[in-house]
């Protein structure tokens, strides 16, 4: 099936690291025009240049998603360049404290991750939604997490932020649906990469006195498919939900990409 994404304008927050880079490259490969928003321009600009060399039209906007004015300015820049915004993929987010109980988590740690993971997506949606309403069409995909579908000891602040994100997405799905705009969440489980290997596996290995490779195997054993998701797995799920052809009648859903953990 062709996803019919060629020529669409896609805004992506957090576009250049980990899952963000894989998602950005996936939408570029489908022929989308890209508006890349983020704080780390040193990471984003080389990616945009690489994509441009392959024929992808992309603009880069400096944007801290916790700043609503910055998100609105980035949306205005995209509209000035492309005339419309068809898709938003809200990737930017963080992990918060790892291995700390709720009682050990500080107010500052809690506030920081809730602000980034909830307010950041809220600000991005508020920035692009008016243009989508005028168009009478659009697709919004927020990258959540499976710890927002099941509780997780030692990850209270992060889990709270992703549970809250689900409420934001479902409320916007109801409010924007009459305007032809679908709003969904992709919920990755553990995703293989530096963050998983160097933070999650390293912490588990130190706590249990095992190797980091053994820690990775133990995480994989929790999943029905016995493997850790990749960034490309997450990117393909985002493509699916962003496609009017593949997911025309889907809104308000949480799509786990986790090898069978959250739902089984």
C-alpha atoms as a PDB file:
ATOM      1  CA  UNK A   1       0.000   0.000   0.000  1.00  0.00           C
ATOM      2  CA  UNK A   2       1.240   3.462  -0.873  1.00  0.00           C
ATOM      3  CA  UNK A   3       0.870   5.764   2.134  1.00  0.00           C
ATOM      4  CA  UNK A   4       0.174   8.830  -0.045  1.00  0.00           C
ATOM      5  CA  UNK A   5       2.449  11.066   2.021  1.00  0.00           C
ATOM      6  CA  UNK A   6       4.477  12.515  -0.850  1.00  0.00           C
ATOM      7  CA  UNK A   7       4.329  16.302  -0.871  1.00  0.00           C
ATOM      8  CA  UNK A   8       2.769  16.544   2.583  1.00  0.00           C
ATOM      9  CA  UNK A   9       4.236  19.078   4.987  1.00  0.00           C
ATOM     10  CA  UNK A  10       5.344  17.440   8.225  1.00  0.00           C
ATOM     11  CA  UNK A  11       6.504  19.313  11.326  1.00  0.00           C
ATOM     12  CA  UNK A  12       8.653  17.203  13.654  1.00  0.00           C
ATOM     13  CA  UNK A  13       9.784  18.192  17.148  1.00  0.00           C
ATOM     14  CA  UNK A  14      12.968  16.633  18.494  1.00  0.00           C
ATOM     15  CA  UNK A  15      13.895  15.526  14.962  1.00  0.00           C
ATOM     16  CA  UNK A  16      17.583  14.694  15.125  1.00  0.00           C
ATOM     17  CA  UNK A  17      18.386  12.256  17.922  1.00  0.00           C
ATOM     18  CA  UNK A  18      17.458   8.639  18.526  1.00  0.00           C
ATOM     19  CA  UNK A  19      13.889   7.968  17.483  1.00  0.00           C
ATOM     20  CA  UNK A  20      13.640  11.520  16.198  1.00  0.00           C
ATOM     21  CA  UNK A  21      16.245  11.002  13.503  1.00  0.00           C
ATOM     22  CA  UNK A  22      14.689   7.705  12.399  1.00  0.00           C
ATOM     23  CA  UNK A  23      11.252   9.338  12.225  1.00  0.00           C
ATOM     24  CA  UNK A  24      12.597  12.310  10.281  1.00  0.00           C
ATOM     25  CA  UNK A  25      14.344  10.069   7.761  1.00  0.00           C
ATOM     26  CA  UNK A  26      11.242   7.904   7.383  1.00  0.00           C
ATOM     27  CA  UNK A  27       9.034  10.873   6.486  1.00  0.00           C
ATOM     28  CA  UNK A  28      11.712  12.210   4.138  1.00  0.00           C
ATOM     29  CA  UNK A  29      11.828   8.827   2.396  1.00  0.00           C
ATOM     30  CA  UNK A  30       8.065   9.061   1.829  1.00  0.00           C
ATOM     31  CA  UNK A  31       8.545  12.383   0.029  1.00  0.00           C
ATOM     32  CA  UNK A  32       7.350  14.756   2.739  1.00  0.00           C
ATOM     33  CA  UNK A  33       8.494  18.339   3.044  1.00  0.00           C
ATOM     34  CA  UNK A  34       9.817  18.875   6.543  1.00  0.00           C
ATOM     35  CA  UNK A  35       9.769  21.548   9.230  1.00  0.00           C
ATOM     36  CA  UNK A  36      12.283  20.455  11.864  1.00  0.00           C
ATOM     37  CA  UNK A  37      11.909  22.022  15.326  1.00  0.00           C
ATOM     38  CA  UNK A  38      14.341  21.655  18.196  1.00  0.00           C
ATOM     39  CA  UNK A  39      16.824  23.205  20.578  1.00  0.00           C
ATOM     40  CA  UNK A  40      19.993  21.462  19.384  1.00  0.00           C
ATOM     41  CA  UNK A  41      20.575  23.101  16.024  1.00  0.00           C
ATOM     42  CA  UNK A  42      24.070  21.611  15.892  1.00  0.00           C
ATOM     43  CA  UNK A  43      22.408  18.208  15.545  1.00  0.00           C
ATOM     44  CA  UNK A  44      19.450  19.256  13.384  1.00  0.00           C
ATOM     45  CA  UNK A  45      21.185  21.344  10.722  1.00  0.00           C
ATOM     46  CA  UNK A  46      23.567  18.600   9.490  1.00  0.00           C
ATOM     47  CA  UNK A  47      20.612  16.218   9.272  1.00  0.00           C
ATOM     48  CA  UNK A  48      18.623  18.770   7.265  1.00  0.00           C
ATOM     49  CA  UNK A  49      21.599  19.318   4.954  1.00  0.00           C
ATOM     50  CA  UNK A  50      21.981  15.569   4.444  1.00  0.00           C
ATOM     51  CA  UNK A  51      18.294  15.224   3.594  1.00  0.00           C
ATOM     52  CA  UNK A  52      18.440  18.228   1.259  1.00  0.00           C
ATOM     53  CA  UNK A  53      21.292  16.557  -0.606  1.00  0.00           C
ATOM     54  CA  UNK A  54      18.910  13.681  -1.254  1.00  0.00           C
ATOM     55  CA  UNK A  55      16.160  15.973  -2.531  1.00  0.00           C
ATOM     56  CA  UNK A  56      14.106  16.593   0.620  1.00  0.00           C
ATOM     57  CA  UNK A  57      12.913  20.141   1.175  1.00  0.00           C
ATOM     58  CA  UNK A  58      13.404  21.000   4.849  1.00  0.00           C
ATOM     59  CA  UNK A  59      13.556  24.049   7.071  1.00  0.00           C
ATOM     60  CA  UNK A  60      14.971  24.218  10.580  1.00  0.00           C
ATOM     61  CA  UNK A  61      13.524  26.287  13.432  1.00  0.00           C
ATOM     62  CA  UNK A  62      15.105  26.806  16.832  1.00  0.00           C
ATOM     63  CA  UNK A  63      12.373  25.769  19.229  1.00  0.00           C
ATOM     64  CA  UNK A  64      12.132  24.845  22.890  1.00  0.00           C
ATOM     65  CA  UNK A  65       8.769  23.068  22.956  1.00  0.00           C
ATOM     66  CA  UNK A  66       8.138  24.113  26.558  1.00  0.00           C
ATOM     67  CA  UNK A  67       7.893  27.696  25.220  1.00  0.00           C
ATOM     68  CA  UNK A  68       4.544  28.237  23.544  1.00  0.00           C
ATOM     69  CA  UNK A  69       5.707  31.374  21.742  1.00  0.00           C
ATOM     70  CA  UNK A  70       8.653  29.478  20.244  1.00  0.00           C
ATOM     71  CA  UNK A  71       6.305  26.767  18.949  1.00  0.00           C
ATOM     72  CA  UNK A  72       4.003  29.344  17.397  1.00  0.00           C
ATOM     73  CA  UNK A  73       6.967  31.057  15.730  1.00  0.00           C
ATOM     74  CA  UNK A  74       8.143  27.711  14.308  1.00  0.00           C
ATOM     75  CA  UNK A  75       4.663  26.989  12.965  1.00  0.00           C
ATOM     76  CA  UNK A  76       4.522  30.432  11.367  1.00  0.00           C
ATOM     77  CA  UNK A  77       7.888  29.813   9.701  1.00  0.00           C
ATOM     78  CA  UNK A  78       6.614  26.524   8.276  1.00  0.00           C
ATOM     79  CA  UNK A  79       3.449  28.162   6.983  1.00  0.00           C
ATOM     80  CA  UNK A  80       5.452  31.005   5.441  1.00  0.00           C
ATOM     81  CA  UNK A  81       7.638  28.491   3.596  1.00  0.00           C
ATOM     82  CA  UNK A  82       5.134  25.810   2.639  1.00  0.00           C
ATOM     83  CA  UNK A  83       1.694  27.409   2.961  1.00  0.00           C
ATOM     84  CA  UNK A  84       0.275  24.583   5.065  1.00  0.00           C
ATOM     85  CA  UNK A  85       1.068  21.997   7.748  1.00  0.00           C
ATOM     86  CA  UNK A  86      -0.425  18.563   7.149  1.00  0.00           C
ATOM     87  CA  UNK A  87       1.265  16.492   9.844  1.00  0.00           C
ATOM     88  CA  UNK A  88       2.764  17.066  13.265  1.00  0.00           C
ATOM     89  CA  UNK A  89       4.913  14.391  14.874  1.00  0.00           C
ATOM     90  CA  UNK A  90       5.682  15.438  18.445  1.00  0.00           C
ATOM     91  CA  UNK A  91       8.795  13.482  19.380  1.00  0.00           C
ATOM     92  CA  UNK A  92      10.621  15.857  21.739  1.00  0.00           C
ATOM     93  CA  UNK A  93      10.658  14.533  25.280  1.00  0.00           C
ATOM     94  CA  UNK A  94      12.800  13.193  28.062  1.00  0.00           C
ATOM     95  CA  UNK A  95      13.175  10.291  30.465  1.00  0.00           C
ATOM     96  CA  UNK A  96      13.232  11.911  33.873  1.00  0.00           C
ATOM     97  CA  UNK A  97      14.904  10.220  36.842  1.00  0.00           C
ATOM     98  CA  UNK A  98      15.618   6.504  36.408  1.00  0.00           C
ATOM     99  CA  UNK A  99      15.659   4.069  39.317  1.00  0.00           C
ATOM    100  CA  UNK A 100      14.331   6.584  41.852  1.00  0.00           C
ATOM    101  CA  UNK A 101      11.170   5.858  43.784  1.00  0.00           C
ATOM    102  CA  UNK A 102       8.383   8.380  43.972  1.00  0.00           C
ATOM    103  CA  UNK A 103       9.474   9.247  47.504  1.00  0.00           C
ATOM    104  CA  UNK A 104      13.020   9.905  46.281  1.00  0.00           C
ATOM    105  CA  UNK A 105      11.957  12.026  43.293  1.00  0.00           C
ATOM    106  CA  UNK A 106      12.357  15.754  43.880  1.00  0.00           C
ATOM    107  CA  UNK A 107       9.771  18.357  42.990  1.00  0.00           C
ATOM    108  CA  UNK A 108      12.184  19.841  40.462  1.00  0.00           C
ATOM    109  CA  UNK A 109      12.695  16.477  38.749  1.00  0.00           C
ATOM    110  CA  UNK A 110       8.968  15.874  38.625  1.00  0.00           C
ATOM    111  CA  UNK A 111       8.195  19.334  37.268  1.00  0.00           C
ATOM    112  CA  UNK A 112      10.920  19.185  34.613  1.00  0.00           C
ATOM    113  CA  UNK A 113       9.760  15.970  32.955  1.00  0.00           C
ATOM    114  CA  UNK A 114       6.053  16.755  33.197  1.00  0.00           C
ATOM    115  CA  UNK A 115       6.722  20.177  31.671  1.00  0.00           C
ATOM    116  CA  UNK A 116       8.699  18.693  28.784  1.00  0.00           C
ATOM    117  CA  UNK A 117       6.588  15.624  28.026  1.00  0.00           C
ATOM    118  CA  UNK A 118       3.153  17.179  28.545  1.00  0.00           C
ATOM    119  CA  UNK A 119       3.418  20.927  28.030  1.00  0.00           C
ATOM    120  CA  UNK A 120       5.802  20.404  25.105  1.00  0.00           C
ATOM    121  CA  UNK A 121       3.269  18.337  23.164  1.00  0.00           C
ATOM    122  CA  UNK A 122       0.424  20.655  24.177  1.00  0.00           C
ATOM    123  CA  UNK A 123       2.346  23.690  22.894  1.00  0.00           C
ATOM    124  CA  UNK A 124       3.201  22.016  19.586  1.00  0.00           C
ATOM    125  CA  UNK A 125      -0.404  20.981  18.960  1.00  0.00           C
ATOM    126  CA  UNK A 126      -1.732  24.425  19.843  1.00  0.00           C
ATOM    127  CA  UNK A 127       0.764  25.938  17.404  1.00  0.00           C
ATOM    128  CA  UNK A 128      -0.221  23.826  14.370  1.00  0.00           C
ATOM    129  CA  UNK A 129      -3.905  23.117  14.997  1.00  0.00           C
ATOM    130  CA  UNK A 130      -5.290  26.479  13.775  1.00  0.00           C
ATOM    131  CA  UNK A 131      -3.742  25.946  10.333  1.00  0.00           C
ATOM    132  CA  UNK A 132      -5.095  22.397  10.203  1.00  0.00           C
ATOM    133  CA  UNK A 133      -8.562  23.640  11.193  1.00  0.00           C
ATOM    134  CA  UNK A 134      -8.453  26.166   8.345  1.00  0.00           C
ATOM    135  CA  UNK A 135      -7.440  23.374   5.966  1.00  0.00           C
ATOM    136  CA  UNK A 136     -10.119  21.032   7.276  1.00  0.00           C
ATOM    137  CA  UNK A 137      -7.567  18.223   7.540  1.00  0.00           C
ATOM    138  CA  UNK A 138      -4.470  17.122   9.404  1.00  0.00           C
ATOM    139  CA  UNK A 139      -2.779  14.338  11.323  1.00  0.00           C
ATOM    140  CA  UNK A 140      -1.093  14.698  14.698  1.00  0.00           C
ATOM    141  CA  UNK A 141       1.036  11.930  16.178  1.00  0.00           C
ATOM    142  CA  UNK A 142       2.458  12.251  19.683  1.00  0.00           C
ATOM    143  CA  UNK A 143       5.226   9.923  20.805  1.00  0.00           C
ATOM    144  CA  UNK A 144       4.252   8.662  24.236  1.00  0.00           C
ATOM    145  CA  UNK A 145       5.455   5.539  26.008  1.00  0.00           C
ATOM    146  CA  UNK A 146       4.193   2.277  27.396  1.00  0.00           C
ATOM    147  CA  UNK A 147       4.964   3.423  30.949  1.00  0.00           C
ATOM    148  CA  UNK A 148       2.001   5.711  30.321  1.00  0.00           C
ATOM    149  CA  UNK A 149      -0.151   2.608  29.865  1.00  0.00           C
ATOM    150  CA  UNK A 150       1.182   0.558  32.780  1.00  0.00           C
ATOM    151  CA  UNK A 151       2.718   1.886  35.961  1.00  0.00           C
ATOM    152  CA  UNK A 152       6.438   1.406  36.502  1.00  0.00           C
ATOM    153  CA  UNK A 153       8.280   1.384  39.793  1.00  0.00           C
ATOM    154  CA  UNK A 154      11.307   3.647  39.742  1.00  0.00           C
ATOM    155  CA  UNK A 155       9.912   5.784  36.911  1.00  0.00           C
ATOM    156  CA  UNK A 156       7.081   7.666  38.618  1.00  0.00           C
ATOM    157  CA  UNK A 157       7.711  11.101  37.108  1.00  0.00           C
ATOM    158  CA  UNK A 158       8.148   9.794  33.568  1.00  0.00           C
ATOM    159  CA  UNK A 159       5.149   7.484  33.878  1.00  0.00           C
ATOM    160  CA  UNK A 160       2.991  10.327  35.167  1.00  0.00           C
ATOM    161  CA  UNK A 161       4.017  12.534  32.247  1.00  0.00           C
ATOM    162  CA  UNK A 162       3.100   9.885  29.681  1.00  0.00           C
ATOM    163  CA  UNK A 163      -0.232   9.096  31.337  1.00  0.00           C
ATOM    164  CA  UNK A 164      -0.983  12.827  31.214  1.00  0.00           C
ATOM    165  CA  UNK A 165       0.032  12.974  27.569  1.00  0.00           C
ATOM    166  CA  UNK A 166      -2.625  10.374  26.752  1.00  0.00           C
ATOM    167  CA  UNK A 167      -5.264  12.668  28.228  1.00  0.00           C
ATOM    168  CA  UNK A 168      -4.038  15.575  26.122  1.00  0.00           C
ATOM    169  CA  UNK A 169      -4.156  13.474  22.956  1.00  0.00           C
ATOM    170  CA  UNK A 170      -7.613  12.021  23.614  1.00  0.00           C
ATOM    171  CA  UNK A 171      -9.105  15.407  24.440  1.00  0.00           C
ATOM    172  CA  UNK A 172      -7.640  16.981  21.311  1.00  0.00           C
ATOM    173  CA  UNK A 173      -8.896  14.020  19.258  1.00  0.00           C
ATOM    174  CA  UNK A 174     -12.443  14.823  20.369  1.00  0.00           C
ATOM    175  CA  UNK A 175     -12.056  18.572  19.885  1.00  0.00           C
ATOM    176  CA  UNK A 176     -10.280  18.483  16.524  1.00  0.00           C
ATOM    177  CA  UNK A 177     -12.057  15.492  15.015  1.00  0.00           C
ATOM    178  CA  UNK A 178     -14.979  17.582  13.696  1.00  0.00           C
ATOM    179  CA  UNK A 179     -12.397  19.539  11.677  1.00  0.00           C
ATOM    180  CA  UNK A 180     -11.040  16.425   9.986  1.00  0.00           C
ATOM    181  CA  UNK A 181      -7.940  16.201  12.179  1.00  0.00           C
ATOM    182  CA  UNK A 182      -6.814  12.871  13.631  1.00  0.00           C
ATOM    183  CA  UNK A 183      -4.800  12.871  16.858  1.00  0.00           C
ATOM    184  CA  UNK A 184      -3.084   9.687  18.031  1.00  0.00           C
ATOM    185  CA  UNK A 185      -0.273   8.406  20.216  1.00  0.00           C
ATOM    186  CA  UNK A 186       2.517   6.001  19.330  1.00  0.00           C
ATOM    187  CA  UNK A 187       3.727   4.403  22.556  1.00  0.00           C
ATOM    188  CA  UNK A 188       7.181   2.841  22.275  1.00  0.00           C
ATOM    189  CA  UNK A 189       8.421   0.379  24.839  1.00  0.00           C
ATOM    190  CA  UNK A 190      12.153   0.162  25.354  1.00  0.00           C
ATOM    191  CA  UNK A 191      13.908   1.275  22.181  1.00  0.00           C
ATOM    192  CA  UNK A 192      17.385   0.001  21.464  1.00  0.00           C
ATOM    193  CA  UNK A 193      19.989   2.727  21.240  1.00  0.00           C
ATOM    194  CA  UNK A 194      22.372   4.756  23.403  1.00  0.00           C
ATOM    195  CA  UNK A 195      19.723   5.810  25.941  1.00  0.00           C
ATOM    196  CA  UNK A 196      18.571   2.231  26.476  1.00  0.00           C
ATOM    197  CA  UNK A 197      22.081   0.783  26.584  1.00  0.00           C
ATOM    198  CA  UNK A 198      23.847   3.507  28.551  1.00  0.00           C
ATOM    199  CA  UNK A 199      21.118   4.437  31.024  1.00  0.00           C
ATOM    200  CA  UNK A 200      18.530   1.690  31.433  1.00  0.00           C
ATOM    201  CA  UNK A 201      20.756  -1.368  30.944  1.00  0.00           C
ATOM    202  CA  UNK A 202      23.667   0.186  32.799  1.00  0.00           C
ATOM    203  CA  UNK A 203      21.512   1.016  35.805  1.00  0.00           C
ATOM    204  CA  UNK A 204      19.978  -2.466  35.863  1.00  0.00           C
ATOM    205  CA  UNK A 205      23.385  -4.108  35.469  1.00  0.00           C
ATOM    206  CA  UNK A 206      24.835  -2.125  38.361  1.00  0.00           C
ATOM    207  CA  UNK A 207      21.847  -2.799  40.582  1.00  0.00           C
ATOM    208  CA  UNK A 208      21.761  -6.563  39.944  1.00  0.00           C
ATOM    209  CA  UNK A 209      25.473  -7.223  39.450  1.00  0.00           C
ATOM    210  CA  UNK A 210      25.067  -8.489  35.882  1.00  0.00           C
ATOM    211  CA  UNK A 211      26.492  -7.473  32.517  1.00  0.00           C
ATOM    212  CA  UNK A 212      24.811  -4.822  30.412  1.00  0.00           C
ATOM    213  CA  UNK A 213      24.186  -7.427  27.696  1.00  0.00           C
ATOM    214  CA  UNK A 214      22.432  -9.643  30.228  1.00  0.00           C
ATOM    215  CA  UNK A 215      20.349  -6.647  31.310  1.00  0.00           C
ATOM    216  CA  UNK A 216      19.284  -6.118  27.685  1.00  0.00           C
ATOM    217  CA  UNK A 217      18.347  -9.808  27.382  1.00  0.00           C
ATOM    218  CA  UNK A 218      16.244  -9.615  30.536  1.00  0.00           C
ATOM    219  CA  UNK A 219      14.349  -6.636  29.175  1.00  0.00           C
ATOM    220  CA  UNK A 220      13.713  -8.473  25.884  1.00  0.00           C
ATOM    221  CA  UNK A 221      12.432 -11.513  27.786  1.00  0.00           C
ATOM    222  CA  UNK A 222       9.541  -9.396  29.129  1.00  0.00           C
ATOM    223  CA  UNK A 223       8.114  -9.036  25.615  1.00  0.00           C
ATOM    224  CA  UNK A 224       6.035 -11.583  23.718  1.00  0.00           C
ATOM    225  CA  UNK A 225       8.236 -11.182  20.629  1.00  0.00           C
ATOM    226  CA  UNK A 226      11.423 -11.478  22.741  1.00  0.00           C
ATOM    227  CA  UNK A 227      13.108  -8.509  21.123  1.00  0.00           C
ATOM    228  CA  UNK A 228      13.651  -4.826  21.875  1.00  0.00           C
ATOM    229  CA  UNK A 229      12.018  -2.345  19.527  1.00  0.00           C
ATOM    230  CA  UNK A 230      14.137  -0.256  17.172  1.00  0.00           C
ATOM    231  CA  UNK A 231      13.793   3.396  16.276  1.00  0.00           C
ATOM    232  CA  UNK A 232      12.694   2.285  12.813  1.00  0.00           C
ATOM    233  CA  UNK A 233       9.827   0.288  14.325  1.00  0.00           C
ATOM    234  CA  UNK A 234       8.588   3.464  15.979  1.00  0.00           C
ATOM    235  CA  UNK A 235       9.080   5.505  12.804  1.00  0.00           C
ATOM    236  CA  UNK A 236       6.983   3.073  10.761  1.00  0.00           C
ATOM    237  CA  UNK A 237       4.150   3.281  13.296  1.00  0.00           C
ATOM    238  CA  UNK A 238       4.244   7.080  13.001  1.00  0.00           C
ATOM    239  CA  UNK A 239       4.051   6.825   9.212  1.00  0.00           C
ATOM    240  CA  UNK A 240       1.018   4.559   9.500  1.00  0.00           C
ATOM    241  CA  UNK A 241      -0.909   6.908  11.787  1.00  0.00           C
ATOM    242  CA  UNK A 242       0.058   9.962   9.724  1.00  0.00           C
ATOM    243  CA  UNK A 243      -1.298   8.463   6.508  1.00  0.00           C
ATOM    244  CA  UNK A 244      -4.824   9.443   5.480  1.00  0.00           C
ATOM    245  CA  UNK A 245      -4.885   6.347   3.327  1.00  0.00           C
ATOM    246  CA  UNK A 246      -3.728   3.788   5.902  1.00  0.00           C
ATOM    247  CA  UNK A 247      -5.298   5.286   9.032  1.00  0.00           C
ATOM    248  CA  UNK A 248      -8.111   7.512   7.743  1.00  0.00           C
ATOM    249  CA  UNK A 249     -10.641   6.388  10.361  1.00  0.00           C
ATOM    250  CA  UNK A 250      -8.314   6.121  13.362  1.00  0.00           C
ATOM    251  CA  UNK A 251      -8.124   8.786  16.060  1.00  0.00           C
ATOM    252  CA  UNK A 252      -7.609   8.924  19.806  1.00  0.00           C
ATOM    253  CA  UNK A 253      -5.716   5.628  19.971  1.00  0.00           C
ATOM    254  CA  UNK A 254      -2.605   4.575  21.865  1.00  0.00           C
ATOM    255  CA  UNK A 255      -0.551   2.331  19.589  1.00  0.00           C
ATOM    256  CA  UNK A 256       2.045   0.363  21.591  1.00  0.00           C
ATOM    257  CA  UNK A 257       5.242  -0.476  19.723  1.00  0.00           C
ATOM    258  CA  UNK A 258       6.716  -2.777  22.308  1.00  0.00           C
ATOM    259  CA  UNK A 259       6.794  -6.384  21.090  1.00  0.00           C
ATOM    260  CA  UNK A 260       3.805  -7.218  23.271  1.00  0.00           C
ATOM    261  CA  UNK A 261       4.264  -5.816  26.773  1.00  0.00           C
ATOM    262  CA  UNK A 262       1.709  -3.166  27.599  1.00  0.00           C
ATOM    263  CA  UNK A 263      -1.343  -4.935  26.212  1.00  0.00           C
ATOM    264  CA  UNK A 264      -0.578  -8.571  27.004  1.00  0.00           C
END
